[in-house]
């Protein structure tokens, strides 16, 4: 029987990092899980991040990916909200 949980590292930037107070989270999910599911989980924990849901870009293992990309055990997920410069 295969393991039903995957363990991933979620790298946080900008607003996500500010709200969580850290640059990295280790999270376990049941399979199958998508990058969007990861974002949904974080927003469920920290509802103040809801405003970033539709403008966040996603990366998995240093590659930009679509929100419906399925993640695998050991993946590194990056959530990138818009960042203003100045």
C-alpha atoms as a PDB file:
ATOM      1  CA  UNK A   1       0.000   0.000   0.000  1.00  0.00           C
ATOM      2  CA  UNK A   2       1.393   3.367  -0.953  1.00  0.00           C
ATOM      3  CA  UNK A   3       1.797   6.201   1.496  1.00  0.00           C
ATOM      4  CA  UNK A   4      -1.247   8.468   1.410  1.00  0.00           C
ATOM      5  CA  UNK A   5       0.545  11.587   2.683  1.00  0.00           C
ATOM      6  CA  UNK A   6       3.076  13.793   0.958  1.00  0.00           C
ATOM      7  CA  UNK A   7       5.433  16.170   2.731  1.00  0.00           C
ATOM      8  CA  UNK A   8       6.306  19.437   1.044  1.00  0.00           C
ATOM      9  CA  UNK A   9       8.188  22.627   1.797  1.00  0.00           C
ATOM     10  CA  UNK A  10       6.305  25.854   1.136  1.00  0.00           C
ATOM     11  CA  UNK A  11       8.478  28.932   0.597  1.00  0.00           C
ATOM     12  CA  UNK A  12       6.746  32.171   1.574  1.00  0.00           C
ATOM     13  CA  UNK A  13       7.406  35.620   0.163  1.00  0.00           C
ATOM     14  CA  UNK A  14       6.074  39.148   0.687  1.00  0.00           C
ATOM     15  CA  UNK A  15       2.561  39.153   2.217  1.00  0.00           C
ATOM     16  CA  UNK A  16       2.635  35.413   2.976  1.00  0.00           C
ATOM     17  CA  UNK A  17       5.926  35.725   4.806  1.00  0.00           C
ATOM     18  CA  UNK A  18       4.674  38.752   6.765  1.00  0.00           C
ATOM     19  CA  UNK A  19       1.466  37.026   7.880  1.00  0.00           C
ATOM     20  CA  UNK A  20       3.115  33.729   8.833  1.00  0.00           C
ATOM     21  CA  UNK A  21       6.232  35.346  10.305  1.00  0.00           C
ATOM     22  CA  UNK A  22       8.507  32.826   8.617  1.00  0.00           C
ATOM     23  CA  UNK A  23       9.966  32.198   5.178  1.00  0.00           C
ATOM     24  CA  UNK A  24       9.265  28.470   5.058  1.00  0.00           C
ATOM     25  CA  UNK A  25       6.639  25.958   6.176  1.00  0.00           C
ATOM     26  CA  UNK A  26       6.762  22.161   6.214  1.00  0.00           C
ATOM     27  CA  UNK A  27       3.286  20.782   5.524  1.00  0.00           C
ATOM     28  CA  UNK A  28       1.827  17.311   4.952  1.00  0.00           C
ATOM     29  CA  UNK A  29      -1.096  16.784   2.580  1.00  0.00           C
ATOM     30  CA  UNK A  30      -3.093  13.781   1.470  1.00  0.00           C
ATOM     31  CA  UNK A  31      -2.717  12.704  -2.151  1.00  0.00           C
ATOM     32  CA  UNK A  32      -3.595  13.947  -4.676  1.00  0.00           C
ATOM     33  CA  UNK A  33      -2.961  17.591  -3.867  1.00  0.00           C
ATOM     34  CA  UNK A  34      -2.521  20.542  -6.221  1.00  0.00           C
ATOM     35  CA  UNK A  35      -0.657  23.799  -5.830  1.00  0.00           C
ATOM     36  CA  UNK A  36      -4.063  25.517  -5.507  1.00  0.00           C
ATOM     37  CA  UNK A  37      -4.912  23.191  -2.596  1.00  0.00           C
ATOM     38  CA  UNK A  38      -1.741  24.398  -0.873  1.00  0.00           C
ATOM     39  CA  UNK A  39      -2.851  28.014  -1.258  1.00  0.00           C
ATOM     40  CA  UNK A  40      -6.366  27.147  -0.051  1.00  0.00           C
ATOM     41  CA  UNK A  41      -4.874  25.539   3.055  1.00  0.00           C
ATOM     42  CA  UNK A  42      -2.791  28.618   3.878  1.00  0.00           C
ATOM     43  CA  UNK A  43      -5.751  30.967   3.363  1.00  0.00           C
ATOM     44  CA  UNK A  44      -7.948  28.759   5.541  1.00  0.00           C
ATOM     45  CA  UNK A  45      -5.346  29.091   8.324  1.00  0.00           C
ATOM     46  CA  UNK A  46      -4.814  32.833   7.743  1.00  0.00           C
ATOM     47  CA  UNK A  47      -7.975  34.347   6.183  1.00  0.00           C
ATOM     48  CA  UNK A  48      -6.322  37.758   5.868  1.00  0.00           C
ATOM     49  CA  UNK A  49      -4.447  36.300   2.871  1.00  0.00           C
ATOM     50  CA  UNK A  50      -7.690  35.871   0.883  1.00  0.00           C
ATOM     51  CA  UNK A  51      -7.094  39.119  -1.037  1.00  0.00           C
ATOM     52  CA  UNK A  52      -3.983  37.550  -2.612  1.00  0.00           C
ATOM     53  CA  UNK A  53      -5.733  34.351  -3.835  1.00  0.00           C
ATOM     54  CA  UNK A  54      -6.366  35.450  -7.439  1.00  0.00           C
ATOM     55  CA  UNK A  55      -3.059  37.246  -8.025  1.00  0.00           C
ATOM     56  CA  UNK A  56      -0.587  34.724  -6.604  1.00  0.00           C
ATOM     57  CA  UNK A  57       1.783  32.913  -8.966  1.00  0.00           C
ATOM     58  CA  UNK A  58       3.030  29.424  -8.204  1.00  0.00           C
ATOM     59  CA  UNK A  59       6.304  27.614  -8.523  1.00  0.00           C
ATOM     60  CA  UNK A  60       7.240  24.003  -7.917  1.00  0.00           C
ATOM     61  CA  UNK A  61      10.897  23.025  -7.740  1.00  0.00           C
ATOM     62  CA  UNK A  62      12.048  26.331  -9.296  1.00  0.00           C
ATOM     63  CA  UNK A  63       9.595  26.163 -12.235  1.00  0.00           C
ATOM     64  CA  UNK A  64       6.514  28.353 -12.651  1.00  0.00           C
ATOM     65  CA  UNK A  65       3.429  26.125 -12.801  1.00  0.00           C
ATOM     66  CA  UNK A  66      -0.344  26.347 -13.203  1.00  0.00           C
ATOM     67  CA  UNK A  67      -2.567  26.267 -10.116  1.00  0.00           C
ATOM     68  CA  UNK A  68      -3.889  22.799 -10.987  1.00  0.00           C
ATOM     69  CA  UNK A  69      -0.413  21.212 -11.007  1.00  0.00           C
ATOM     70  CA  UNK A  70      -0.334  18.119  -8.787  1.00  0.00           C
ATOM     71  CA  UNK A  71       2.435  18.198  -6.197  1.00  0.00           C
ATOM     72  CA  UNK A  72       4.561  15.259  -5.079  1.00  0.00           C
ATOM     73  CA  UNK A  73       6.327  14.183  -1.914  1.00  0.00           C
ATOM     74  CA  UNK A  74       9.415  16.297  -1.314  1.00  0.00           C
ATOM     75  CA  UNK A  75       8.393  19.140  -3.640  1.00  0.00           C
ATOM     76  CA  UNK A  76       9.262  22.742  -2.871  1.00  0.00           C
ATOM     77  CA  UNK A  77       6.273  25.006  -3.497  1.00  0.00           C
ATOM     78  CA  UNK A  78       6.709  28.742  -3.877  1.00  0.00           C
ATOM     79  CA  UNK A  79       3.798  31.183  -3.513  1.00  0.00           C
ATOM     80  CA  UNK A  80       4.550  34.545  -5.097  1.00  0.00           C
ATOM     81  CA  UNK A  81       2.111  37.409  -4.536  1.00  0.00           C
ATOM     82  CA  UNK A  82       2.577  40.651  -6.475  1.00  0.00           C
ATOM     83  CA  UNK A  83       5.381  42.712  -5.017  1.00  0.00           C
ATOM     84  CA  UNK A  84       5.476  46.469  -5.395  1.00  0.00           C
ATOM     85  CA  UNK A  85       8.804  48.162  -5.805  1.00  0.00           C
ATOM     86  CA  UNK A  86       9.780  51.675  -5.107  1.00  0.00           C
END
